[in-house]
Amino acid sequence: QVQFVESGGGLVQPGGSLRVSCAVPGFTLDGYAVGWFRQAPGKEREGVSCISSSDGSQYYADPVKGRFTISRDNANNIVALQMNSLKPEDTAVYYCAANLMRSRCSGLVEHEFSYWGQGTQVTVSS
């Protein structure tokens, strides 16, 4: 079964930084947009950021604009999310997924994404 593997989560203080990354063994990400999503306790999963395959263009949800940066390394099949100026409300499980319908990001419509992994926990707390 093809599935993303996320890593890099942990506990960080407010204002701190964390870098999470994901890979999908057995599948080539080149040609597909890849998104990061998150789910906080008691809340629905929400889109965070997306990066296109064709030109590397990026999309960010309003709550993370200016603080998070998404990047991809097609040669090594890895997508990363650099998170700066973290806030307690960023606490969530973070997931990667691939948009098998598009190579360019067009928002973060969850049902267009596939190969969901188990996620990585990010906790922002003092």
Protein backbone atom coordinates (compact mmCIF):
# COMPACT_ATOMS: atom_id res chain seq x y z
CA GLN A 1 0.00 0.00 0.00
CA VAL A 2 1.41 3.37 -1.01
CA GLN A 3 1.49 5.74 1.94
CA PHE A 4 3.34 8.87 2.99
CA VAL A 5 5.74 8.70 5.92
CA GLU A 6 5.92 11.95 7.88
CA SER A 7 8.67 12.82 10.33
CA GLY A 8 10.18 15.68 12.29
CA GLY A 9 7.38 16.53 14.68
CA GLY A 10 7.90 17.25 18.34
CA LEU A 11 7.44 19.67 21.20
CA VAL A 12 8.48 23.28 20.71
CA GLN A 13 7.94 26.49 22.65
CA PRO A 14 5.82 29.32 21.26
CA GLY A 15 7.87 31.40 18.87
CA GLY A 16 10.09 28.47 18.05
CA SER A 17 10.71 26.62 14.80
CA LEU A 18 10.30 23.09 13.56
CA ARG A 19 10.82 21.35 10.23
CA VAL A 20 8.67 18.41 9.24
CA SER A 21 9.17 16.33 6.14
CA CYS A 22 7.52 13.50 4.29
CA ALA A 23 8.37 10.85 1.77
CA VAL A 24 6.39 8.17 -0.01
CA PRO A 25 8.37 4.98 -0.58
CA GLY A 26 7.63 3.26 -3.84
CA PHE A 27 6.05 6.25 -5.53
CA THR A 28 7.54 9.11 -7.53
CA LEU A 29 6.23 12.51 -6.49
CA ASP A 30 7.50 14.28 -9.58
CA GLY A 31 4.49 15.33 -11.62
CA TYR A 32 2.09 15.75 -8.72
CA ALA A 33 1.22 18.58 -6.40
CA VAL A 34 1.82 17.72 -2.74
CA GLY A 35 0.00 19.21 0.20
CA TRP A 36 0.40 19.46 3.95
CA PHE A 37 -2.68 19.22 6.12
CA ARG A 38 -3.18 19.25 9.87
CA GLN A 39 -5.76 18.13 12.39
CA ALA A 40 -5.99 19.62 15.84
CA PRO A 41 -7.76 17.81 18.70
CA GLY A 42 -11.51 18.06 18.32
CA LYS A 43 -11.28 19.80 14.95
CA GLU A 44 -11.59 18.79 11.33
CA ARG A 45 -8.52 18.32 9.18
CA GLU A 46 -7.53 21.50 7.36
CA GLY A 47 -5.20 22.37 4.53
CA VAL A 48 -1.95 24.13 5.41
CA SER A 49 0.16 24.42 2.28
CA CYS A 50 0.65 22.99 -1.19
CA ILE A 51 3.53 22.93 -3.65
CA SER A 52 3.24 22.35 -7.37
CA SER A 53 5.41 19.95 -9.29
CA SER A 54 5.72 21.81 -12.57
CA ASP A 55 7.07 25.15 -11.33
CA GLY A 56 7.32 24.81 -7.56
CA SER A 57 4.62 27.42 -7.01
CA GLN A 58 3.24 27.44 -3.48
CA TYR A 59 -0.05 27.98 -1.74
CA TYR A 60 -0.52 28.77 1.94
CA ALA A 61 -3.59 28.90 4.12
CA ASP A 62 -4.09 32.30 5.73
CA PRO A 63 -3.24 31.19 9.32
CA VAL A 64 0.30 30.16 8.28
CA LYS A 65 1.18 32.74 5.63
CA GLY A 66 4.50 34.42 6.34
CA ARG A 67 5.46 31.79 8.93
CA PHE A 68 5.56 28.47 7.08
CA THR A 69 7.56 27.57 3.97
CA ILE A 70 6.99 24.47 1.88
CA SER A 71 9.69 22.95 -0.33
CA ARG A 72 10.24 19.82 -2.37
CA ASP A 73 13.18 17.78 -3.59
CA ASN A 74 11.97 15.73 -6.52
CA ALA A 75 15.28 13.96 -6.91
CA ASN A 76 14.99 12.54 -3.40
CA ASN A 77 11.20 12.36 -3.37
CA ILE A 78 10.86 14.51 -0.24
CA VAL A 79 8.58 17.40 0.67
CA ALA A 80 9.31 19.54 3.72
CA LEU A 81 7.49 22.18 5.72
CA GLN A 82 9.57 24.72 7.64
CA MET A 83 7.48 26.19 10.43
CA ASN A 84 8.65 29.39 12.13
CA SER A 85 7.11 31.65 14.79
CA LEU A 86 5.02 28.74 15.98
CA LYS A 87 1.90 29.39 18.02
CA PRO A 88 -0.05 27.13 20.38
CA GLU A 89 -2.85 27.03 17.80
CA ASP A 90 -0.44 25.31 15.39
CA THR A 91 -0.58 22.23 17.62
CA ALA A 92 -1.89 19.38 15.50
CA VAL A 93 -1.02 16.18 13.72
CA TYR A 94 0.52 17.13 10.37
CA TYR A 95 -0.08 15.01 7.27
CA CYS A 96 1.26 14.88 3.71
CA ALA A 97 -0.75 13.83 0.70
CA ALA A 98 -0.40 13.89 -3.08
CA ASN A 99 -2.87 15.35 -5.54
CA LEU A 100 -3.02 12.68 -8.22
CA MET A 101 -5.29 14.89 -10.34
CA ARG A 102 -3.04 17.92 -10.64
CA SER A 103 0.58 18.92 -11.00
CA ARG A 104 -0.22 22.48 -9.96
CA CYS A 105 -1.78 23.50 -6.68
CA SER A 106 -5.34 24.75 -6.82
CA GLY A 107 -6.26 25.27 -3.22
CA LEU A 108 -6.34 22.35 -0.81
CA VAL A 109 -9.40 20.29 -1.59
CA GLU A 110 -8.95 17.30 0.66
CA HIS A 111 -10.80 14.75 -1.44
CA GLU A 112 -8.39 15.38 -4.33
CA PHE A 113 -5.46 14.13 -2.25
CA SER A 114 -4.31 10.56 -1.74
CA TYR A 115 -1.74 8.36 -0.01
CA TRP A 116 -2.35 9.76 3.45
CA GLY A 117 0.19 8.76 6.08
CA GLN A 118 -0.05 8.41 9.84
CA GLY A 119 1.06 11.99 10.38
CA THR A 120 3.54 13.55 12.78
CA GLN A 121 2.56 15.30 16.01
CA VAL A 122 3.54 18.94 16.45
CA THR A 123 2.95 20.41 19.89
CA VAL A 124 3.55 24.09 20.61
CA SER A 125 3.55 24.71 24.34
CA SER A 126 5.57 26.39 27.05
